[in-house]
Amino acid sequence: MGIILVDKLPFYLDEDMLIEKLKLRKRKGMNEKLNKLMKKALKIAKPKGAYFETEIESRTENSVKIKGEVFNSRELAKATEKNQKLYPYIITCGKEIEEALIKTEDILEKYILDGIINSILDCATICISKDLKERYQIANLSYHIPGALNDWPIEDQQKLFKIFGDVAEKIGVELSESNVMKPGKSVSGVYCQVMDDITECI
């Protein structure tokens, strides 16, 4: 099976949660702005994602090799000791909603819209992990992100995008030479099946 591409992930926005998260409850006029921006986001946002299953080709104490690329992480190697598969992924809020954020000049609206976009990305991530678990009959997953682990250099992000080929472009995600993703509200890494109970279980 090849790369699974989802070009419009479902999402929802919880007004009460956003009010609390963004600390808007006692500030006059902000709730109206929130409601307006939520409606705008629901209309234009198109979060997307891509993932696939791949065999681990080789492993050392400090690295894992998939699709001809060596990912240098002791923690990732340890996490995959009991299985032979990894699930690379790229998930994004979508360029449509980020363009709306860029065009917004009002500072308060930028703040609120940024919070809304974070919620959209959270929903998209949950959807992808759920779809992956159902598709491959996996009970629990852990996730690992280049640059987030102390021993996994962010430079390996380039290798991750390389194994996706042109799929990253198809979902509208670009990676700069300095390893910054665009849209900014995008995440990439690998999932692996959890064989034991660990804190990163999702």
N, C-alpha and C. Protein backbone atom coordinates (compact mmCIF):
# COMPACT_ATOMS: atom_id res chain seq x y z
N MET A 1 0.84 -1.20 0.00
CA MET A 1 0.00 0.00 0.00
C MET A 1 0.88 1.25 0.00
N GLY A 2 0.51 2.23 -0.82
CA GLY A 2 1.30 3.44 -0.93
C GLY A 2 0.95 4.48 0.12
N ILE A 3 1.28 5.70 -0.19
CA ILE A 3 1.04 6.80 0.74
C ILE A 3 -0.45 7.14 0.78
N ILE A 4 -0.98 7.25 1.98
CA ILE A 4 -2.37 7.63 2.19
C ILE A 4 -2.43 9.15 2.28
N LEU A 5 -3.19 9.77 1.40
CA LEU A 5 -3.31 11.23 1.38
C LEU A 5 -4.75 11.62 1.68
N VAL A 6 -4.93 12.48 2.66
CA VAL A 6 -6.26 12.98 3.01
C VAL A 6 -6.25 14.49 2.80
N ASP A 7 -6.98 14.95 1.78
CA ASP A 7 -6.85 16.36 1.41
C ASP A 7 -7.85 17.29 2.07
N LYS A 8 -8.76 16.74 2.88
CA LYS A 8 -9.62 17.60 3.69
C LYS A 8 -10.06 16.85 4.93
N LEU A 9 -9.31 17.03 5.99
CA LEU A 9 -9.61 16.35 7.25
C LEU A 9 -10.75 17.04 7.98
N PRO A 10 -11.65 16.26 8.58
CA PRO A 10 -12.74 16.88 9.35
C PRO A 10 -12.19 17.52 10.63
N PHE A 11 -12.83 18.58 11.07
CA PHE A 11 -12.43 19.21 12.32
C PHE A 11 -13.64 19.91 12.94
N TYR A 12 -13.53 20.19 14.21
CA TYR A 12 -14.58 20.94 14.90
C TYR A 12 -13.92 21.99 15.79
N LEU A 13 -14.68 23.01 16.13
CA LEU A 13 -14.18 24.07 17.00
C LEU A 13 -15.11 24.21 18.19
N ASP A 14 -14.55 24.14 19.38
CA ASP A 14 -15.31 24.26 20.62
C ASP A 14 -15.16 25.69 21.14
N GLU A 15 -16.25 26.45 21.07
CA GLU A 15 -16.19 27.86 21.45
C GLU A 15 -15.79 28.05 22.91
N ASP A 16 -16.38 27.28 23.81
CA ASP A 16 -16.06 27.42 25.24
C ASP A 16 -14.60 27.10 25.52
N MET A 17 -14.09 26.06 24.86
CA MET A 17 -12.69 25.68 25.06
C MET A 17 -11.76 26.79 24.56
N LEU A 18 -12.10 27.37 23.41
CA LEU A 18 -11.28 28.45 22.87
C LEU A 18 -11.32 29.70 23.75
N ILE A 19 -12.50 30.00 24.29
CA ILE A 19 -12.63 31.15 25.20
C ILE A 19 -11.72 30.98 26.40
N GLU A 20 -11.72 29.77 26.95
CA GLU A 20 -10.88 29.50 28.12
C GLU A 20 -9.40 29.48 27.75
N LYS A 21 -9.08 28.82 26.65
CA LYS A 21 -7.69 28.69 26.23
C LYS A 21 -7.07 30.05 25.89
N LEU A 22 -7.86 30.91 25.25
CA LEU A 22 -7.36 32.22 24.83
C LEU A 22 -7.64 33.32 25.85
N LYS A 23 -8.26 32.92 26.98
CA LYS A 23 -8.55 33.85 28.08
C LYS A 23 -9.37 35.04 27.60
N LEU A 24 -10.48 34.74 26.95
CA LEU A 24 -11.33 35.80 26.39
C LEU A 24 -12.57 36.09 27.21
N ARG A 25 -12.87 35.25 28.19
CA ARG A 25 -14.17 35.26 28.86
C ARG A 25 -14.59 36.64 29.38
N LYS A 26 -13.69 37.36 30.03
CA LYS A 26 -14.08 38.60 30.69
C LYS A 26 -13.70 39.85 29.90
N ARG A 27 -13.39 39.66 28.63
CA ARG A 27 -12.95 40.81 27.83
C ARG A 27 -14.04 41.19 26.84
N LYS A 28 -14.56 42.37 26.99
CA LYS A 28 -15.69 42.84 26.19
C LYS A 28 -15.38 42.84 24.69
N GLY A 29 -16.30 42.31 23.94
CA GLY A 29 -16.19 42.32 22.48
C GLY A 29 -15.38 41.19 21.88
N MET A 30 -14.60 40.50 22.69
CA MET A 30 -13.73 39.47 22.15
C MET A 30 -14.50 38.23 21.71
N ASN A 31 -15.54 37.89 22.47
CA ASN A 31 -16.33 36.71 22.12
C ASN A 31 -16.98 36.86 20.75
N GLU A 32 -17.40 38.09 20.44
CA GLU A 32 -17.99 38.34 19.13
C GLU A 32 -16.97 38.13 18.01
N LYS A 33 -15.75 38.60 18.27
CA LYS A 33 -14.68 38.39 17.30
C LYS A 33 -14.40 36.90 17.13
N LEU A 34 -14.38 36.19 18.25
CA LEU A 34 -14.12 34.75 18.21
C LEU A 34 -15.16 34.05 17.36
N ASN A 35 -16.42 34.36 17.60
CA ASN A 35 -17.50 33.72 16.86
C ASN A 35 -17.39 33.99 15.36
N LYS A 36 -17.05 35.23 15.02
CA LYS A 36 -16.90 35.60 13.60
C LYS A 36 -15.75 34.83 12.96
N LEU A 37 -14.63 34.73 13.68
CA LEU A 37 -13.46 34.06 13.13
C LEU A 37 -13.64 32.55 13.09
N MET A 38 -14.40 31.99 14.03
CA MET A 38 -14.71 30.56 13.98
C MET A 38 -15.51 30.24 12.73
N LYS A 39 -16.50 31.06 12.43
CA LYS A 39 -17.31 30.85 11.23
C LYS A 39 -16.45 30.94 9.97
N LYS A 40 -15.52 31.88 9.98
CA LYS A 40 -14.62 32.05 8.84
C LYS A 40 -13.74 30.81 8.67
N ALA A 41 -13.21 30.32 9.79
CA ALA A 41 -12.33 29.14 9.74
C ALA A 41 -13.09 27.91 9.26
N LEU A 42 -14.30 27.73 9.77
CA LEU A 42 -15.11 26.57 9.36
C LEU A 42 -15.40 26.59 7.86
N LYS A 43 -15.45 27.79 7.30
CA LYS A 43 -15.76 27.94 5.88
C LYS A 43 -14.55 27.70 4.99
N ILE A 44 -13.37 28.17 5.41
CA ILE A 44 -12.23 28.14 4.49
C ILE A 44 -11.13 27.14 4.83
N ALA A 45 -11.04 26.69 6.08
CA ALA A 45 -9.93 25.82 6.47
C ALA A 45 -10.04 24.44 5.83
N LYS A 46 -8.92 23.95 5.33
CA LYS A 46 -8.86 22.61 4.73
C LYS A 46 -7.61 21.88 5.22
N PRO A 47 -7.64 21.41 6.48
CA PRO A 47 -6.49 20.67 7.00
C PRO A 47 -6.26 19.39 6.20
N LYS A 48 -5.02 19.02 6.06
CA LYS A 48 -4.65 17.88 5.22
C LYS A 48 -3.60 17.03 5.92
N GLY A 49 -3.45 15.81 5.45
CA GLY A 49 -2.43 14.94 6.02
C GLY A 49 -2.04 13.83 5.07
N ALA A 50 -0.89 13.24 5.33
CA ALA A 50 -0.41 12.10 4.55
C ALA A 50 0.41 11.21 5.47
N TYR A 51 0.31 9.91 5.25
CA TYR A 51 1.07 8.96 6.04
C TYR A 51 1.18 7.64 5.28
N PHE A 52 2.07 6.79 5.72
CA PHE A 52 2.17 5.46 5.11
C PHE A 52 2.89 4.51 6.06
N GLU A 53 2.73 3.24 5.78
CA GLU A 53 3.40 2.19 6.56
C GLU A 53 4.66 1.76 5.82
N THR A 54 5.75 1.59 6.55
CA THR A 54 6.99 1.14 5.92
C THR A 54 7.77 0.23 6.86
N GLU A 55 8.47 -0.72 6.27
CA GLU A 55 9.30 -1.64 7.03
C GLU A 55 10.58 -0.95 7.48
N ILE A 56 11.04 -1.31 8.67
CA ILE A 56 12.35 -0.87 9.13
C ILE A 56 13.39 -1.75 8.45
N GLU A 57 14.27 -1.15 7.69
CA GLU A 57 15.25 -1.91 6.91
C GLU A 57 16.43 -2.36 7.75
N SER A 58 16.83 -1.52 8.68
CA SER A 58 17.92 -1.89 9.60
C SER A 58 17.87 -0.97 10.81
N ARG A 59 18.56 -1.39 11.86
CA ARG A 59 18.54 -0.62 13.10
C ARG A 59 19.87 -0.80 13.82
N THR A 60 20.39 0.27 14.38
CA THR A 60 21.53 0.20 15.29
C THR A 60 21.08 0.75 16.64
N GLU A 61 21.97 0.85 17.57
CA GLU A 61 21.62 1.44 18.87
C GLU A 61 21.24 2.90 18.73
N ASN A 62 21.74 3.54 17.68
CA ASN A 62 21.56 4.98 17.54
C ASN A 62 20.79 5.42 16.30
N SER A 63 20.26 4.48 15.53
CA SER A 63 19.60 4.89 14.29
C SER A 63 18.60 3.86 13.80
N VAL A 64 17.73 4.32 12.91
CA VAL A 64 16.76 3.46 12.23
C VAL A 64 16.78 3.82 10.75
N LYS A 65 16.76 2.80 9.89
CA LYS A 65 16.78 3.04 8.45
C LYS A 65 15.45 2.63 7.83
N ILE A 66 14.81 3.57 7.11
CA ILE A 66 13.60 3.27 6.35
C ILE A 66 13.70 3.94 4.99
N LYS A 67 13.20 3.27 3.97
CA LYS A 67 13.17 3.83 2.61
C LYS A 67 14.54 4.35 2.17
N GLY A 68 15.60 3.67 2.61
CA GLY A 68 16.95 4.05 2.22
C GLY A 68 17.54 5.23 2.97
N GLU A 69 16.79 5.78 3.92
CA GLU A 69 17.25 6.94 4.70
C GLU A 69 17.51 6.54 6.15
N VAL A 70 18.63 6.98 6.68
CA VAL A 70 18.99 6.68 8.07
C VAL A 70 18.59 7.84 8.97
N PHE A 71 17.77 7.55 9.96
CA PHE A 71 17.33 8.55 10.93
C PHE A 71 18.09 8.33 12.23
N ASN A 72 18.84 9.34 12.63
CA ASN A 72 19.77 9.21 13.75
C ASN A 72 19.14 9.59 15.08
N SER A 73 18.63 8.60 15.77
CA SER A 73 18.01 8.84 17.07
C SER A 73 18.05 7.58 17.91
N ARG A 74 18.74 7.66 19.03
CA ARG A 74 18.79 6.53 19.96
C ARG A 74 17.40 6.23 20.51
N GLU A 75 16.64 7.28 20.83
CA GLU A 75 15.31 7.09 21.40
C GLU A 75 14.37 6.42 20.40
N LEU A 76 14.46 6.80 19.14
CA LEU A 76 13.62 6.18 18.11
C LEU A 76 14.01 4.72 17.93
N ALA A 77 15.31 4.44 17.93
CA ALA A 77 15.78 3.06 17.80
C ALA A 77 15.27 2.20 18.96
N LYS A 78 15.31 2.76 20.15
CA LYS A 78 14.84 2.03 21.33
C LYS A 78 13.34 1.80 21.27
N ALA A 79 12.60 2.81 20.80
CA ALA A 79 11.14 2.71 20.74
C ALA A 79 10.67 1.65 19.76
N THR A 80 11.52 1.31 18.79
CA THR A 80 11.12 0.34 17.76
C THR A 80 11.79 -1.02 17.92
N GLU A 81 12.36 -1.27 19.08
CA GLU A 81 13.05 -2.54 19.31
C GLU A 81 12.14 -3.75 19.12
N LYS A 82 10.85 -3.59 19.45
CA LYS A 82 9.94 -4.73 19.44
C LYS A 82 9.02 -4.78 18.22
N ASN A 83 9.24 -3.91 17.26
CA ASN A 83 8.45 -3.99 16.03
C ASN A 83 9.31 -3.65 14.83
N GLN A 84 8.79 -3.92 13.65
CA GLN A 84 9.56 -3.75 12.43
C GLN A 84 8.95 -2.75 11.45
N LYS A 85 8.03 -1.92 11.95
CA LYS A 85 7.37 -0.97 11.06
C LYS A 85 7.32 0.42 11.66
N LEU A 86 7.35 1.41 10.78
CA LEU A 86 7.17 2.81 11.17
C LEU A 86 6.12 3.43 10.25
N TYR A 87 5.57 4.56 10.72
CA TYR A 87 4.51 5.24 9.98
C TYR A 87 4.83 6.73 9.88
N PRO A 88 5.61 7.12 8.87
CA PRO A 88 5.91 8.54 8.68
C PRO A 88 4.63 9.33 8.37
N TYR A 89 4.60 10.58 8.81
CA TYR A 89 3.41 11.40 8.58
C TYR A 89 3.77 12.87 8.39
N ILE A 90 2.92 13.58 7.66
CA ILE A 90 2.94 15.03 7.56
C ILE A 90 1.50 15.50 7.70
N ILE A 91 1.25 16.45 8.59
CA ILE A 91 -0.10 16.96 8.84
C ILE A 91 -0.03 18.49 8.86
N THR A 92 -1.01 19.13 8.25
CA THR A 92 -1.00 20.59 8.18
C THR A 92 -2.38 21.20 8.37
N CYS A 93 -2.40 22.42 8.88
CA CYS A 93 -3.66 23.16 8.99
C CYS A 93 -4.19 23.55 7.62
N GLY A 94 -3.29 23.58 6.63
CA GLY A 94 -3.67 23.97 5.28
C GLY A 94 -3.32 25.43 4.99
N LYS A 95 -2.87 25.68 3.78
CA LYS A 95 -2.45 27.03 3.42
C LYS A 95 -3.63 28.01 3.35
N GLU A 96 -4.85 27.48 3.16
CA GLU A 96 -6.02 28.35 3.02
C GLU A 96 -6.24 29.20 4.27
N ILE A 97 -6.20 28.55 5.45
CA ILE A 97 -6.44 29.28 6.70
C ILE A 97 -5.22 30.09 7.09
N GLU A 98 -4.01 29.62 6.75
CA GLU A 98 -2.82 30.41 7.07
C GLU A 98 -2.78 31.70 6.26
N GLU A 99 -3.24 31.64 5.03
CA GLU A 99 -3.30 32.85 4.21
C GLU A 99 -4.23 33.88 4.83
N ALA A 100 -5.31 33.42 5.43
CA ALA A 100 -6.24 34.33 6.12
C ALA A 100 -5.55 34.98 7.31
N LEU A 101 -4.72 34.21 8.02
CA LEU A 101 -3.98 34.75 9.16
C LEU A 101 -2.99 35.81 8.71
N ILE A 102 -2.29 35.53 7.63
CA ILE A 102 -1.29 36.47 7.12
C ILE A 102 -1.94 37.79 6.69
N LYS A 103 -3.12 37.69 6.08
CA LYS A 103 -3.80 38.88 5.57
C LYS A 103 -4.44 39.72 6.68
N THR A 104 -4.67 39.12 7.84
CA THR A 104 -5.32 39.83 8.94
C THR A 104 -4.37 40.86 9.54
N GLU A 105 -4.78 42.10 9.60
CA GLU A 105 -3.94 43.17 10.14
C GLU A 105 -4.25 43.47 11.60
N ASP A 106 -5.46 43.17 12.03
CA ASP A 106 -5.86 43.43 13.41
C ASP A 106 -5.12 42.48 14.35
N ILE A 107 -4.40 43.03 15.33
CA ILE A 107 -3.58 42.22 16.23
C ILE A 107 -4.42 41.24 17.04
N LEU A 108 -5.57 41.69 17.54
CA LEU A 108 -6.43 40.82 18.32
C LEU A 108 -6.97 39.67 17.47
N GLU A 109 -7.39 39.99 16.25
CA GLU A 109 -7.90 38.94 15.36
C GLU A 109 -6.80 37.94 15.02
N LYS A 110 -5.57 38.42 14.85
CA LYS A 110 -4.45 37.51 14.60
C LYS A 110 -4.27 36.54 15.76
N TYR A 111 -4.36 37.08 16.98
CA TYR A 111 -4.20 36.26 18.18
C TYR A 111 -5.28 35.18 18.25
N ILE A 112 -6.52 35.58 18.03
CA ILE A 112 -7.64 34.63 18.10
C ILE A 112 -7.55 33.61 16.98
N LEU A 113 -7.26 34.06 15.77
CA LEU A 113 -7.19 33.15 14.63
C LEU A 113 -6.04 32.16 14.79
N ASP A 114 -4.95 32.61 15.38
CA ASP A 114 -3.83 31.71 15.64
C ASP A 114 -4.26 30.59 16.58
N GLY A 115 -5.03 30.93 17.61
CA GLY A 115 -5.54 29.91 18.53
C GLY A 115 -6.49 28.95 17.84
N ILE A 116 -7.33 29.48 16.96
CA ILE A 116 -8.25 28.64 16.19
C ILE A 116 -7.47 27.66 15.30
N ILE A 117 -6.43 28.16 14.66
CA ILE A 117 -5.63 27.31 13.77
C ILE A 117 -4.93 26.21 14.56
N ASN A 118 -4.46 26.52 15.75
CA ASN A 118 -3.87 25.49 16.60
C ASN A 118 -4.87 24.38 16.89
N SER A 119 -6.12 24.76 17.16
CA SER A 119 -7.17 23.77 17.42
C SER A 119 -7.46 22.93 16.19
N ILE A 120 -7.44 23.56 15.03
CA ILE A 120 -7.65 22.83 13.78
C ILE A 120 -6.55 21.80 13.57
N LEU A 121 -5.30 22.19 13.82
CA LEU A 121 -4.18 21.26 13.67
C LEU A 121 -4.29 20.11 14.67
N ASP A 122 -4.71 20.41 15.90
CA ASP A 122 -4.91 19.35 16.90
C ASP A 122 -5.94 18.34 16.41
N CYS A 123 -7.05 18.83 15.87
CA CYS A 123 -8.10 17.95 15.35
C CYS A 123 -7.58 17.10 14.19
N ALA A 124 -6.82 17.73 13.30
CA ALA A 124 -6.27 17.02 12.15
C ALA A 124 -5.33 15.91 12.59
N THR A 125 -4.52 16.19 13.60
CA THR A 125 -3.58 15.19 14.11
C THR A 125 -4.32 14.01 14.72
N ILE A 126 -5.37 14.30 15.47
CA ILE A 126 -6.19 13.23 16.06
C ILE A 126 -6.83 12.38 14.97
N CYS A 127 -7.33 13.02 13.93
CA CYS A 127 -7.97 12.30 12.82
C CYS A 127 -7.00 11.37 12.11
N ILE A 128 -5.79 11.87 11.85
CA ILE A 128 -4.80 11.04 11.16
C ILE A 128 -4.40 9.85 12.01
N SER A 129 -4.14 10.07 13.30
CA SER A 129 -3.73 8.95 14.16
C SER A 129 -4.86 7.92 14.29
N LYS A 130 -6.10 8.40 14.37
CA LYS A 130 -7.24 7.49 14.45
C LYS A 130 -7.39 6.68 13.17
N ASP A 131 -7.27 7.35 12.03
CA ASP A 131 -7.38 6.67 10.74
C ASP A 131 -6.28 5.63 10.58
N LEU A 132 -5.07 5.99 11.00
CA LEU A 132 -3.94 5.09 10.90
C LEU A 132 -4.16 3.84 11.75
N LYS A 133 -4.61 4.05 12.98
CA LYS A 133 -4.84 2.91 13.89
C LYS A 133 -5.91 1.98 13.35
N GLU A 134 -6.97 2.54 12.79
CA GLU A 134 -8.04 1.72 12.23
C GLU A 134 -7.58 0.97 10.98
N ARG A 135 -6.84 1.66 10.13
CA ARG A 135 -6.40 1.06 8.87
C ARG A 135 -5.45 -0.12 9.10
N TYR A 136 -4.54 0.04 10.06
CA TYR A 136 -3.52 -0.99 10.28
C TYR A 136 -3.77 -1.83 11.53
N GLN A 137 -4.95 -1.66 12.13
CA GLN A 137 -5.34 -2.45 13.30
C GLN A 137 -4.31 -2.35 14.43
N ILE A 138 -4.03 -1.12 14.82
CA ILE A 138 -3.06 -0.85 15.89
C ILE A 138 -3.80 -0.25 17.08
N ALA A 139 -3.54 -0.79 18.26
CA ALA A 139 -4.23 -0.30 19.46
C ALA A 139 -3.69 1.05 19.92
N ASN A 140 -2.37 1.16 20.00
CA ASN A 140 -1.75 2.38 20.52
C ASN A 140 -0.54 2.79 19.68
N LEU A 141 -0.34 4.09 19.59
CA LEU A 141 0.80 4.63 18.86
C LEU A 141 1.61 5.55 19.75
N SER A 142 2.90 5.66 19.45
CA SER A 142 3.70 6.74 20.02
C SER A 142 4.19 7.57 18.84
N TYR A 143 4.52 8.82 19.09
CA TYR A 143 4.98 9.68 18.00
C TYR A 143 6.36 10.23 18.31
N HIS A 144 7.12 10.46 17.27
CA HIS A 144 8.49 10.96 17.41
C HIS A 144 8.71 12.01 16.33
N ILE A 145 9.30 13.14 16.72
CA ILE A 145 9.42 14.30 15.83
C ILE A 145 10.87 14.77 15.76
N PRO A 146 11.45 14.87 14.56
CA PRO A 146 12.81 15.40 14.46
C PRO A 146 12.90 16.80 15.07
N GLY A 147 13.91 16.98 15.90
CA GLY A 147 14.08 18.28 16.55
C GLY A 147 13.41 18.36 17.90
N ALA A 148 12.39 17.52 18.14
CA ALA A 148 11.70 17.55 19.43
C ALA A 148 12.40 16.66 20.44
N LEU A 149 13.01 15.60 19.95
CA LEU A 149 13.80 14.73 20.82
C LEU A 149 15.21 15.28 20.91
N ASN A 150 15.79 15.19 22.11
CA ASN A 150 17.13 15.73 22.30
C ASN A 150 18.17 15.09 21.38
N ASP A 151 17.94 13.81 21.04
CA ASP A 151 18.96 13.11 20.26
C ASP A 151 18.57 12.91 18.80
N TRP A 152 17.46 13.52 18.36
CA TRP A 152 17.07 13.39 16.95
C TRP A 152 17.20 14.75 16.29
N PRO A 153 18.26 14.97 15.51
CA PRO A 153 18.51 16.30 14.93
C PRO A 153 17.42 16.73 13.97
N ILE A 154 17.09 18.00 14.01
CA ILE A 154 16.04 18.54 13.15
C ILE A 154 16.42 18.44 11.67
N GLU A 155 17.72 18.31 11.39
CA GLU A 155 18.16 18.17 10.00
C GLU A 155 17.59 16.91 9.34
N ASP A 156 17.22 15.92 10.15
CA ASP A 156 16.62 14.70 9.59
C ASP A 156 15.24 14.95 9.00
N GLN A 157 14.71 16.14 9.25
CA GLN A 157 13.45 16.52 8.63
C GLN A 157 13.56 16.48 7.10
N GLN A 158 14.73 16.83 6.59
CA GLN A 158 14.95 16.80 5.14
C GLN A 158 14.78 15.38 4.60
N LYS A 159 15.29 14.41 5.33
CA LYS A 159 15.17 13.01 4.91
C LYS A 159 13.71 12.56 4.95
N LEU A 160 13.01 13.03 5.97
CA LEU A 160 11.60 12.66 6.11
C LEU A 160 10.79 13.16 4.92
N PHE A 161 11.02 14.40 4.53
CA PHE A 161 10.30 14.95 3.38
C PHE A 161 10.73 14.26 2.09
N LYS A 162 11.97 13.84 2.02
CA LYS A 162 12.47 13.16 0.82
C LYS A 162 11.72 11.86 0.56
N ILE A 163 11.43 11.11 1.62
CA ILE A 163 10.76 9.82 1.42
C ILE A 163 9.28 9.99 1.06
N PHE A 164 8.74 11.19 1.26
CA PHE A 164 7.36 11.46 0.83
C PHE A 164 7.29 11.89 -0.64
N GLY A 165 8.44 12.17 -1.24
CA GLY A 165 8.44 12.57 -2.64
C GLY A 165 7.64 13.85 -2.85
N ASP A 166 6.75 13.83 -3.86
CA ASP A 166 5.97 15.03 -4.17
C ASP A 166 4.67 15.13 -3.38
N VAL A 167 4.44 14.19 -2.46
CA VAL A 167 3.19 14.19 -1.70
C VAL A 167 3.10 15.40 -0.78
N ALA A 168 4.22 15.81 -0.19
CA ALA A 168 4.21 16.99 0.67
C ALA A 168 3.71 18.20 -0.10
N GLU A 169 4.16 18.32 -1.34
CA GLU A 169 3.71 19.43 -2.19
C GLU A 169 2.22 19.32 -2.49
N LYS A 170 1.73 18.10 -2.66
CA LYS A 170 0.31 17.90 -2.97
C LYS A 170 -0.60 18.35 -1.84
N ILE A 171 -0.12 18.26 -0.60
CA ILE A 171 -0.94 18.73 0.52
C ILE A 171 -0.55 20.15 0.93
N GLY A 172 0.32 20.77 0.13
CA GLY A 172 0.64 22.19 0.33
C GLY A 172 1.66 22.49 1.40
N VAL A 173 2.54 21.53 1.71
CA VAL A 173 3.55 21.76 2.74
C VAL A 173 4.94 21.84 2.11
N GLU A 174 5.68 22.86 2.49
CA GLU A 174 7.05 23.04 2.01
C GLU A 174 8.00 23.02 3.20
N LEU A 175 9.22 22.55 2.96
CA LEU A 175 10.26 22.56 3.99
C LEU A 175 11.43 23.39 3.49
N SER A 176 11.80 24.40 4.26
CA SER A 176 12.91 25.27 3.86
C SER A 176 14.25 24.61 4.14
N GLU A 177 15.31 25.21 3.63
CA GLU A 177 16.65 24.69 3.88
C GLU A 177 17.00 24.74 5.35
N SER A 178 16.37 25.64 6.09
CA SER A 178 16.60 25.74 7.53
C SER A 178 15.61 24.91 8.33
N ASN A 179 14.91 23.99 7.63
CA ASN A 179 14.00 23.02 8.25
C ASN A 179 12.77 23.64 8.90
N VAL A 180 12.30 24.71 8.32
CA VAL A 180 11.05 25.34 8.77
C VAL A 180 9.95 24.96 7.79
N MET A 181 8.85 24.45 8.34
CA MET A 181 7.73 24.06 7.49
C MET A 181 6.81 25.24 7.22
N LYS A 182 6.23 25.23 6.04
CA LYS A 182 5.22 26.20 5.66
C LYS A 182 4.07 25.44 5.00
N PRO A 183 2.83 25.64 5.47
CA PRO A 183 2.34 26.50 6.56
C PRO A 183 3.04 26.22 7.90
N GLY A 184 3.11 27.26 8.71
CA GLY A 184 3.77 27.15 10.00
C GLY A 184 3.10 26.18 10.94
N LYS A 185 1.77 26.08 10.83
CA LYS A 185 1.04 25.14 11.69
C LYS A 185 0.98 23.79 10.99
N SER A 186 2.13 23.15 10.90
CA SER A 186 2.26 21.82 10.31
C SER A 186 3.15 20.99 11.22
N VAL A 187 2.95 19.69 11.19
CA VAL A 187 3.78 18.78 11.99
C VAL A 187 4.20 17.60 11.12
N SER A 188 5.36 17.06 11.41
CA SER A 188 5.81 15.86 10.69
C SER A 188 6.69 15.04 11.61
N GLY A 189 6.71 13.76 11.34
CA GLY A 189 7.49 12.85 12.17
C GLY A 189 7.15 11.42 11.82
N VAL A 190 7.27 10.53 12.79
CA VAL A 190 6.90 9.13 12.57
C VAL A 190 6.10 8.63 13.76
N TYR A 191 5.11 7.81 13.46
CA TYR A 191 4.41 7.05 14.48
C TYR A 191 5.02 5.66 14.53
N CYS A 192 4.95 5.05 15.70
CA CYS A 192 5.29 3.63 15.78
C CYS A 192 4.33 2.95 16.75
N GLN A 193 4.14 1.66 16.53
CA GLN A 193 3.22 0.91 17.38
C GLN A 193 3.80 0.76 18.77
N VAL A 194 2.96 0.95 19.77
CA VAL A 194 3.39 0.82 21.16
C VAL A 194 3.19 -0.63 21.60
N MET A 195 4.27 -1.25 22.02
CA MET A 195 4.18 -2.62 22.51
C MET A 195 4.05 -2.67 24.03
N ASP A 196 4.52 -1.62 24.69
CA ASP A 196 4.42 -1.51 26.14
C ASP A 196 3.77 -0.19 26.48
N ASP A 197 3.32 -0.02 27.71
CA ASP A 197 2.73 1.24 28.16
C ASP A 197 3.82 2.29 28.28
N ILE A 198 3.65 3.42 27.55
CA ILE A 198 4.56 4.54 27.69
C ILE A 198 3.77 5.83 27.70
N THR A 199 4.38 6.90 28.12
CA THR A 199 3.65 8.15 28.34
C THR A 199 3.20 8.82 27.05
N GLU A 200 3.85 8.51 25.92
CA GLU A 200 3.51 9.19 24.66
C GLU A 200 2.37 8.50 23.92
N CYS A 201 1.73 7.54 24.56
CA CYS A 201 0.68 6.76 23.91
C CYS A 201 -0.48 7.64 23.47
N ILE A 202 -0.96 7.46 22.24
CA ILE A 202 -2.10 8.25 21.75
C ILE A 202 -3.15 7.34 21.12
